[in-house]
C-alpha atoms as a PDB file:
ATOM      1  CA  UNK A   1     124.699-240.379 -73.632  1.00  0.00           C
ATOM      2  CA  UNK A   2     124.372-239.161 -76.335  1.00  0.00           C
ATOM      3  CA  UNK A   3     121.786-238.707 -78.844  1.00  0.00           C
ATOM      4  CA  UNK A   4     121.446-240.043 -82.675  1.00  0.00           C
ATOM      5  CA  UNK A   5     122.826-237.001 -84.257  1.00  0.00           C
ATOM      6  CA  UNK A   6     125.610-237.038 -82.524  1.00  0.00           C
ATOM      7  CA  UNK A   7     126.339-240.517 -83.018  1.00  0.00           C
ATOM      8  CA  UNK A   8     125.825-239.852 -86.514  1.00  0.00           C
ATOM      9  CA  UNK A   9     128.324-236.952 -86.768  1.00  0.00           C
ATOM     10  CA  UNK A  10     131.187-238.437 -84.683  1.00  0.00           C
ATOM     11  CA  UNK A  11     131.175-242.067 -86.824  1.00  0.00           C
ATOM     12  CA  UNK A  12     130.822-240.525 -90.124  1.00  0.00           C
ATOM     13  CA  UNK A  13     134.059-238.545 -89.257  1.00  0.00           C
ATOM     14  CA  UNK A  14     136.098-241.192 -87.304  1.00  0.00           C
ATOM     15  CA  UNK A  15     135.036-244.338 -89.688  1.00  0.00           C
ATOM     16  CA  UNK A  16     135.091-242.705 -92.588  1.00  0.00           C
ATOM     17  CA  UNK A  17     131.468-243.255 -93.694  1.00  0.00           C
ATOM     18  CA  UNK A  18     129.907-240.751 -95.520  1.00  0.00           C
ATOM     19  CA  UNK A  19     127.069-239.385 -93.034  1.00  0.00           C
ATOM     20  CA  UNK A  20     123.721-239.769 -95.552  1.00  0.00           C
ATOM     21  CA  UNK A  21     124.914-242.708 -95.587  1.00  0.00           C
ATOM     22  CA  UNK A  22     124.597-243.688 -92.124  1.00  0.00           C
ATOM     23  CA  UNK A  23     121.860-241.814 -91.276  1.00  0.00           C
ATOM     24  CA  UNK A  24     119.842-243.936 -93.747  1.00  0.00           C
ATOM     25  CA  UNK A  25     121.012-247.096 -92.276  1.00  0.00           C
ATOM     26  CA  UNK A  26     120.400-245.659 -88.752  1.00  0.00           C
ATOM     27  CA  UNK A  27     116.830-244.342 -90.106  1.00  0.00           C
ATOM     28  CA  UNK A  28     115.917-248.190 -91.369  1.00  0.00           C
ATOM     29  CA  UNK A  29     117.070-249.231 -88.243  1.00  0.00           C
ATOM     30  CA  UNK A  30     114.604-247.056 -86.275  1.00  0.00           C
ATOM     31  CA  UNK A  31     111.834-247.369 -88.000  1.00  0.00           C
ATOM     32  CA  UNK A  32     111.982-251.508 -87.611  1.00  0.00           C
ATOM     33  CA  UNK A  33     110.754-250.865 -84.424  1.00  0.00           C
ATOM     34  CA  UNK A  34     111.601-253.315 -81.580  1.00  0.00           C
ATOM     35  CA  UNK A  35     113.891-250.647 -80.179  1.00  0.00           C
ATOM     36  CA  UNK A  36     116.937-251.604 -82.469  1.00  0.00           C
ATOM     37  CA  UNK A  37     117.368-247.494 -82.762  1.00  0.00           C
ATOM     38  CA  UNK A  38     115.689-245.056 -80.112  1.00  0.00           C
ATOM     39  CA  UNK A  39     112.962-243.363 -81.683  1.00  0.00           C
ATOM     40  CA  UNK A  40     113.539-239.494 -82.300  1.00  0.00           C
ATOM     41  CA  UNK A  41     111.712-237.466 -79.345  1.00  0.00           C
ATOM     42  CA  UNK A  42     109.242-234.728 -80.523  1.00  0.00           C
ATOM     43  CA  UNK A  43     111.042-231.731 -81.601  1.00  0.00           C
ATOM     44  CA  UNK A  44     114.402-233.241 -80.915  1.00  0.00           C
ATOM     45  CA  UNK A  45     116.987-231.540 -77.915  1.00  0.00           C
ATOM     46  CA  UNK A  46     116.493-232.606 -74.456  1.00  0.00           C
ATOM     47  CA  UNK A  47     113.548-234.957 -75.751  1.00  0.00           C
ATOM     48  CA  UNK A  48     115.675-237.055 -77.796  1.00  0.00           C
ATOM     49  CA  UNK A  49     116.336-240.794 -76.608  1.00  0.00           C
ATOM     50  CA  UNK A  50     119.680-241.578 -75.764  1.00  0.00           C
ATOM     51  CA  UNK A  51     121.386-244.499 -77.694  1.00  0.00           C
ATOM     52  CA  UNK A  52     122.657-247.154 -75.484  1.00  0.00           C
ATOM     53  CA  UNK A  53     124.967-249.982 -75.474  1.00  0.00           C
ATOM     54  CA  UNK A  54     122.690-252.197 -77.072  1.00  0.00           C
ATOM     55  CA  UNK A  55     121.132-249.785 -80.043  1.00  0.00           C
ATOM     56  CA  UNK A  56     124.980-249.724 -80.799  1.00  0.00           C
ATOM     57  CA  UNK A  57     125.300-253.727 -80.563  1.00  0.00           C
ATOM     58  CA  UNK A  58     122.977-253.116 -83.161  1.00  0.00           C
ATOM     59  CA  UNK A  59     124.881-250.907 -85.456  1.00  0.00           C
ATOM     60  CA  UNK A  60     127.952-252.871 -85.562  1.00  0.00           C
ATOM     61  CA  UNK A  61     125.956-255.646 -86.846  1.00  0.00           C
ATOM     62  CA  UNK A  62     124.649-253.471 -89.109  1.00  0.00           C
ATOM     63  CA  UNK A  63     128.039-252.835 -90.639  1.00  0.00           C
ATOM     64  CA  UNK A  64     128.626-256.296 -92.005  1.00  0.00           C
ATOM     65  CA  UNK A  65     126.629-254.838 -94.724  1.00  0.00           C
ATOM     66  CA  UNK A  66     127.530-253.301 -98.569  1.00  0.00           C
ATOM     67  CA  UNK A  67     124.920-250.916 -98.125  1.00  0.00           C
ATOM     68  CA  UNK A  68     121.772-249.424 -95.979  1.00  0.00           C
ATOM     69  CA  UNK A  69     119.484-251.382 -97.290  1.00  0.00           C
ATOM     70  CA  UNK A  70     121.147-254.695 -95.790  1.00  0.00           C
ATOM     71  CA  UNK A  71     121.556-253.768 -92.637  1.00  0.00           C
ATOM     72  CA  UNK A  72     118.121-255.240 -91.226  1.00  0.00           C
ATOM     73  CA  UNK A  73     118.713-258.646 -92.349  1.00  0.00           C
ATOM     74  CA  UNK A  74     121.800-258.547 -90.365  1.00  0.00           C
ATOM     75  CA  UNK A  75     120.927-257.404 -87.340  1.00  0.00           C
ATOM     76  CA  UNK A  76     118.903-260.282 -87.235  1.00  0.00           C
ATOM     77  CA  UNK A  77     120.480-262.979 -88.609  1.00  0.00           C
ATOM     78  CA  UNK A  78     124.177-262.255 -86.960  1.00  0.00           C
ATOM     79  CA  UNK A  79     122.691-260.888 -84.037  1.00  0.00           C
ATOM     80  CA  UNK A  80     120.992-264.308 -83.458  1.00  0.00           C
ATOM     81  CA  UNK A  81     124.076-266.131 -83.757  1.00  0.00           C
ATOM     82  CA  UNK A  82     124.866-268.364 -80.878  1.00  0.00           C
ATOM     83  CA  UNK A  83     128.222-268.534 -78.891  1.00  0.00           C
ATOM     84  CA  UNK A  84     129.788-271.995 -78.702  1.00  0.00           C
ATOM     85  CA  UNK A  85     131.389-272.858 -75.617  1.00  0.00           C
ATOM     86  CA  UNK A  86     135.202-273.721 -76.046  1.00  0.00           C
ATOM     87  CA  UNK A  87     136.140-277.440 -75.869  1.00  0.00           C
ATOM     88  CA  UNK A  88     137.550-278.232 -72.299  1.00  0.00           C
ATOM     89  CA  UNK A  89     140.937-278.419 -73.964  1.00  0.00           C
ATOM     90  CA  UNK A  90     140.294-274.793 -74.488  1.00  0.00           C
ATOM     91  CA  UNK A  91     139.188-273.329 -70.999  1.00  0.00           C
ATOM     92  CA  UNK A  92     142.476-271.139 -70.716  1.00  0.00           C
ATOM     93  CA  UNK A  93     140.972-269.152 -72.957  1.00  0.00           C
ATOM     94  CA  UNK A  94     138.624-268.208 -70.984  1.00  0.00           C
ATOM     95  CA  UNK A  95     140.175-266.399 -68.305  1.00  0.00           C
ATOM     96  CA  UNK A  96     140.663-264.127 -70.737  1.00  0.00           C
ATOM     97  CA  UNK A  97     138.468-260.786 -70.077  1.00  0.00           C
ATOM     98  CA  UNK A  98     137.361-260.315 -72.862  1.00  0.00           C
ATOM     99  CA  UNK A  99     135.541-263.288 -73.720  1.00  0.00           C
ATOM    100  CA  UNK A 100     132.610-264.730 -74.015  1.00  0.00           C
ATOM    101  CA  UNK A 101     132.242-266.490 -70.400  1.00  0.00           C
ATOM    102  CA  UNK A 102     133.675-264.036 -68.786  1.00  0.00           C
ATOM    103  CA  UNK A 103     131.516-261.541 -69.599  1.00  0.00           C
ATOM    104  CA  UNK A 104     128.817-263.682 -68.724  1.00  0.00           C
ATOM    105  CA  UNK A 105     129.916-264.428 -65.543  1.00  0.00           C
ATOM    106  CA  UNK A 106     130.389-260.896 -64.432  1.00  0.00           C
ATOM    107  CA  UNK A 107     127.098-259.396 -65.506  1.00  0.00           C
ATOM    108  CA  UNK A 108     125.209-262.297 -65.194  1.00  0.00           C
ATOM    109  CA  UNK A 109     126.597-265.518 -63.102  1.00  0.00           C
ATOM    110  CA  UNK A 110     127.838-267.211 -66.021  1.00  0.00           C
ATOM    111  CA  UNK A 111     124.352-268.111 -67.250  1.00  0.00           C
ATOM    112  CA  UNK A 112     125.353-269.131 -71.317  1.00  0.00           C
ATOM    113  CA  UNK A 113     122.491-270.228 -72.365  1.00  0.00           C
ATOM    114  CA  UNK A 114     121.210-268.886 -75.751  1.00  0.00           C
ATOM    115  CA  UNK A 115     124.213-266.273 -75.415  1.00  0.00           C
ATOM    116  CA  UNK A 116     124.146-264.417 -78.468  1.00  0.00           C
ATOM    117  CA  UNK A 117     126.288-261.964 -80.785  1.00  0.00           C
ATOM    118  CA  UNK A 118     124.044-258.868 -80.039  1.00  0.00           C
ATOM    119  CA  UNK A 119     124.370-259.662 -76.045  1.00  0.00           C
ATOM    120  CA  UNK A 120     127.827-260.045 -76.340  1.00  0.00           C
ATOM    121  CA  UNK A 121     128.459-256.439 -78.078  1.00  0.00           C
ATOM    122  CA  UNK A 122     125.772-254.967 -75.776  1.00  0.00           C
ATOM    123  CA  UNK A 123     127.608-256.730 -72.976  1.00  0.00           C
ATOM    124  CA  UNK A 124     131.292-255.409 -74.226  1.00  0.00           C
ATOM    125  CA  UNK A 125     130.272-252.000 -74.936  1.00  0.00           C
ATOM    126  CA  UNK A 126     128.947-251.661 -71.261  1.00  0.00           C
ATOM    127  CA  UNK A 127     132.086-253.326 -69.662  1.00  0.00           C
ATOM    128  CA  UNK A 128     134.346-251.306 -71.714  1.00  0.00           C
ATOM    129  CA  UNK A 129     132.362-247.938 -70.759  1.00  0.00           C
ATOM    130  CA  UNK A 130     132.765-248.665 -67.462  1.00  0.00           C
ATOM    131  CA  UNK A 131     136.506-250.051 -66.913  1.00  0.00           C
ATOM    132  CA  UNK A 132     140.021-248.199 -68.617  1.00  0.00           C
ATOM    133  CA  UNK A 133     140.786-251.818 -67.713  1.00  0.00           C
ATOM    134  CA  UNK A 134     139.002-253.869 -70.044  1.00  0.00           C
ATOM    135  CA  UNK A 135     139.572-251.175 -72.855  1.00  0.00           C
ATOM    136  CA  UNK A 136     143.355-251.456 -72.286  1.00  0.00           C
ATOM    137  CA  UNK A 137     142.977-255.286 -72.426  1.00  0.00           C
ATOM    138  CA  UNK A 138     140.874-255.332 -76.258  1.00  0.00           C
ATOM    139  CA  UNK A 139     143.835-252.635 -77.778  1.00  0.00           C
ATOM    140  CA  UNK A 140     147.096-254.630 -76.007  1.00  0.00           C
ATOM    141  CA  UNK A 141     145.642-258.166 -77.484  1.00  0.00           C
ATOM    142  CA  UNK A 142     144.120-256.989 -80.622  1.00  0.00           C
ATOM    143  CA  UNK A 143     140.645-257.650 -79.795  1.00  0.00           C
ATOM    144  CA  UNK A 144     138.993-258.490 -83.551  1.00  0.00           C
ATOM    145  CA  UNK A 145     135.457-259.383 -84.500  1.00  0.00           C
ATOM    146  CA  UNK A 146     134.719-261.011 -88.192  1.00  0.00           C
ATOM    147  CA  UNK A 147     131.133-261.073 -89.077  1.00  0.00           C
ATOM    148  CA  UNK A 148     130.111-263.892 -92.118  1.00  0.00           C
ATOM    149  CA  UNK A 149     127.152-262.028 -92.914  1.00  0.00           C
ATOM    150  CA  UNK A 150     126.867-264.977 -96.232  1.00  0.00           C
ATOM    151  CA  UNK A 151     126.223-267.499 -93.184  1.00  0.00           C
ATOM    152  CA  UNK A 152     125.337-265.756 -90.755  1.00  0.00           C
ATOM    153  CA  UNK A 153     128.343-266.814 -88.161  1.00  0.00           C
ATOM    154  CA  UNK A 154     130.628-264.628 -86.641  1.00  0.00           C
ATOM    155  CA  UNK A 155     134.269-265.339 -84.745  1.00  0.00           C
ATOM    156  CA  UNK A 156     135.893-263.083 -82.382  1.00  0.00           C
ATOM    157  CA  UNK A 157     139.874-263.314 -82.237  1.00  0.00           C
ATOM    158  CA  UNK A 158     142.616-262.044 -79.782  1.00  0.00           C
ATOM    159  CA  UNK A 159     146.222-262.650 -78.887  1.00  0.00           C
ATOM    160  CA  UNK A 160     147.650-263.415 -75.785  1.00  0.00           C
ATOM    161  CA  UNK A 161     150.988-265.116 -75.251  1.00  0.00           C
ATOM    162  CA  UNK A 162     152.082-264.856 -78.891  1.00  0.00           C
ATOM    163  CA  UNK A 163     149.159-267.368 -79.623  1.00  0.00           C
ATOM    164  CA  UNK A 164     145.549-266.422 -81.205  1.00  0.00           C
ATOM    165  CA  UNK A 165     142.209-267.622 -79.881  1.00  0.00           C
ATOM    166  CA  UNK A 166     139.149-267.522 -81.405  1.00  0.00           C
ATOM    167  CA  UNK A 167     135.708-267.918 -80.410  1.00  0.00           C
ATOM    168  CA  UNK A 168     132.356-268.529 -82.986  1.00  0.00           C
ATOM    169  CA  UNK A 169     129.392-267.942 -82.921  1.00  0.00           C
ATOM    170  CA  UNK A 170     126.891-270.223 -84.899  1.00  0.00           C
ATOM    171  CA  UNK A 171     123.590-269.750 -85.941  1.00  0.00           C
ATOM    172  CA  UNK A 172     120.916-270.613 -83.864  1.00  0.00           C
ATOM    173  CA  UNK A 173     119.896-274.122 -86.203  1.00  0.00           C
ATOM    174  CA  UNK A 174     122.360-275.464 -88.793  1.00  0.00           C
ATOM    175  CA  UNK A 175     121.900-273.954 -92.445  1.00  0.00           C
ATOM    176  CA  UNK A 176     118.772-271.402 -90.944  1.00  0.00           C
ATOM    177  CA  UNK A 177     120.881-268.667 -93.023  1.00  0.00           C
ATOM    178  CA  UNK A 178     122.569-270.772 -95.957  1.00  0.00           C
ATOM    179  CA  UNK A 179     121.035-271.907 -99.660  1.00  0.00           C
ATOM    180  CA  UNK A 180     121.489-275.104-101.588  1.00  0.00           C
ATOM    181  CA  UNK A 181     123.594-273.005-104.045  1.00  0.00           C
ATOM    182  CA  UNK A 182     125.948-272.094-100.977  1.00  0.00           C
ATOM    183  CA  UNK A 183     128.580-274.122 -99.368  1.00  0.00           C
ATOM    184  CA  UNK A 184     131.588-273.403 -97.198  1.00  0.00           C
ATOM    185  CA  UNK A 185     134.390-273.349-100.081  1.00  0.00           C
ATOM    186  CA  UNK A 186     132.633-270.888-102.003  1.00  0.00           C
ATOM    187  CA  UNK A 187     131.717-268.036 -98.988  1.00  0.00           C
ATOM    188  CA  UNK A 188     132.892-264.851-100.158  1.00  0.00           C
ATOM    189  CA  UNK A 189     132.796-262.369 -97.919  1.00  0.00           C
ATOM    190  CA  UNK A 190     134.147-261.276 -94.032  1.00  0.00           C
ATOM    191  CA  UNK A 191     133.916-257.946 -92.426  1.00  0.00           C
ATOM    192  CA  UNK A 192     136.148-256.772 -90.032  1.00  0.00           C
ATOM    193  CA  UNK A 193     134.992-255.263 -86.562  1.00  0.00           C
ATOM    194  CA  UNK A 194     138.088-253.644 -84.815  1.00  0.00           C
ATOM    195  CA  UNK A 195     138.318-252.751 -81.209  1.00  0.00           C
ATOM    196  CA  UNK A 196     138.800-249.258 -82.346  1.00  0.00           C
ATOM    197  CA  UNK A 197     135.153-249.032 -83.492  1.00  0.00           C
ATOM    198  CA  UNK A 198     134.077-251.194 -79.651  1.00  0.00           C
ATOM    199  CA  UNK A 199     135.869-248.207 -77.889  1.00  0.00           C
ATOM    200  CA  UNK A 200     134.423-245.313 -79.867  1.00  0.00           C
ATOM    201  CA  UNK A 201     131.115-246.797 -79.299  1.00  0.00           C
ATOM    202  CA  UNK A 202     131.739-247.201 -75.478  1.00  0.00           C
ATOM    203  CA  UNK A 203     132.787-243.959 -75.555  1.00  0.00           C
ATOM    204  CA  UNK A 204     129.688-242.092 -77.092  1.00  0.00           C
ATOM    205  CA  UNK A 205     127.387-244.272 -74.727  1.00  0.00           C
ATOM    206  CA  UNK A 206     128.765-242.635 -71.910  1.00  0.00           C
ATOM    207  CA  UNK A 207     128.662-239.166 -73.659  1.00  0.00           C
ATOM    208  CA  UNK A 208     132.578-239.231 -74.003  1.00  0.00           C
ATOM    209  CA  UNK A 209     133.148-238.862 -77.901  1.00  0.00           C
ATOM    210  CA  UNK A 210     136.783-239.695 -78.344  1.00  0.00           C
ATOM    211  CA  UNK A 211     138.064-236.476 -80.073  1.00  0.00           C
ATOM    212  CA  UNK A 212     137.289-235.326 -76.349  1.00  0.00           C
ATOM    213  CA  UNK A 213     138.168-238.126 -74.236  1.00  0.00           C
ATOM    214  CA  UNK A 214     141.282-236.542 -72.215  1.00  0.00           C
ATOM    215  CA  UNK A 215     142.778-239.791 -72.226  1.00  0.00           C
ATOM    216  CA  UNK A 216     143.326-240.224 -75.522  1.00  0.00           C
ATOM    217  CA  UNK A 217     145.133-237.432 -77.698  1.00  0.00           C
ATOM    218  CA  UNK A 218     143.249-235.873 -80.483  1.00  0.00           C
ATOM    219  CA  UNK A 219     144.620-237.250 -83.753  1.00  0.00           C
ATOM    220  CA  UNK A 220     144.891-236.310 -87.588  1.00  0.00           C
ATOM    221  CA  UNK A 221     143.091-239.338 -89.087  1.00  0.00           C
ATOM    222  CA  UNK A 222     140.720-241.737 -88.206  1.00  0.00           C
ATOM    223  CA  UNK A 223     140.554-243.019 -84.492  1.00  0.00           C
ATOM    224  CA  UNK A 224     139.097-245.907 -86.229  1.00  0.00           C
ATOM    225  CA  UNK A 225     140.775-248.009 -88.674  1.00  0.00           C
ATOM    226  CA  UNK A 226     138.841-248.933 -92.127  1.00  0.00           C
ATOM    227  CA  UNK A 227     136.537-251.367 -91.844  1.00  0.00           C
ATOM    228  CA  UNK A 228     137.523-254.500 -94.193  1.00  0.00           C
ATOM    229  CA  UNK A 229     136.292-257.087 -96.253  1.00  0.00           C
ATOM    230  CA  UNK A 230     137.979-259.842 -97.857  1.00  0.00           C
ATOM    231  CA  UNK A 231     136.986-262.927 -99.923  1.00  0.00           C
ATOM    232  CA  UNK A 232     137.630-266.509 -97.988  1.00  0.00           C
ATOM    233  CA  UNK A 233     140.397-268.308 -99.211  1.00  0.00           C
ATOM    234  CA  UNK A 234     141.884-264.587-101.472  1.00  0.00           C
ATOM    235  CA  UNK A 235     145.948-264.161-100.483  1.00  0.00           C
ATOM    236  CA  UNK A 236     145.074-261.025-101.690  1.00  0.00           C
ATOM    237  CA  UNK A 237     144.940-257.734 -99.276  1.00  0.00           C
ATOM    238  CA  UNK A 238     141.419-256.868 -98.002  1.00  0.00           C
ATOM    239  CA  UNK A 239     140.046-253.867 -99.723  1.00  0.00           C
ATOM    240  CA  UNK A 240     139.122-251.317 -97.568  1.00  0.00           C
ATOM    241  CA  UNK A 241     135.285-250.608 -96.795  1.00  0.00           C
ATOM    242  CA  UNK A 242     134.934-246.300 -96.438  1.00  0.00           C
ATOM    243  CA  UNK A 243     131.384-246.527 -97.230  1.00  0.00           C
ATOM    244  CA  UNK A 244     129.032-249.304 -96.924  1.00  0.00           C
ATOM    245  CA  UNK A 245     127.979-249.341-100.393  1.00  0.00           C
ATOM    246  CA  UNK A 246     128.602-250.758-103.599  1.00  0.00           C
ATOM    247  CA  UNK A 247     130.650-253.535-104.543  1.00  0.00           C
ATOM    248  CA  UNK A 248     134.489-253.053-103.149  1.00  0.00           C
ATOM    249  CA  UNK A 249     137.245-253.346-105.606  1.00  0.00           C
ATOM    250  CA  UNK A 250     140.531-254.697-104.213  1.00  0.00           C
ATOM    251  CA  UNK A 251     144.295-253.820-105.179  1.00  0.00           C
ATOM    252  CA  UNK A 252     143.737-256.966-107.777  1.00  0.00           C
ATOM    253  CA  UNK A 253     141.269-255.353-109.553  1.00  0.00           C
ATOM    254  CA  UNK A 254     138.203-257.747-108.620  1.00  0.00           C
ATOM    255  CA  UNK A 255     135.814-257.160-106.677  1.00  0.00           C
ATOM    256  CA  UNK A 256     133.088-259.005-103.599  1.00  0.00           C
ATOM    257  CA  UNK A 257     130.458-260.639-105.554  1.00  0.00           C
ATOM    258  CA  UNK A 258     127.049-259.122-104.933  1.00  0.00           C
ATOM    259  CA  UNK A 259     124.388-261.358-103.730  1.00  0.00           C
END
């Protein structure tokens, strides 16, 4: 288990987000209540509450924003997105250990009703923290989470036997987070969450930051690839999001549109 200050210090170094920016995001989550982030104990030190997998799930969802002020909105929207069970023809994908169905079977006896994205991330961080085998699966299959903050949707992709598989998460009510000015053809933002960030959250939740993990040799470069953001339908490479603030400019000179 680790405290909030350790999480901020470690993530800012590994992900490339400035400590002041990450600290602002964490403060907004903590002040919102509802245990989105642990409250600080009086005097800090041993009295400080530890950051648990559910808190890391909220922080990962907050990364979908281009700035800290969007954190609460994205945690609420994306966290509420519900898993869409696969069609019968796609059931082969459910054998994947990190699929929503497999995570549920492991933790909750396959009770899949109202399984939301926040719940999936919390279970995933827990399972990866407890099992090196689960972590190895995520690395080998290039597990990736794609967040769409504009529509409140998300998808998880992985590669198995040379084929890409995908799970979808949709708003609990159709059109809940869309406006009359938006349509699927004009959706602009997708934010990529790599599996390395899940691993780092898992390590921190057990009090083992990646830099101190004997299983992983230290690296002079960040352990987590930069979060990326790209426009739907744009063939240009995605722009790096080293800091969660301001519009991001791609190599072609375009910027991610403001909301």
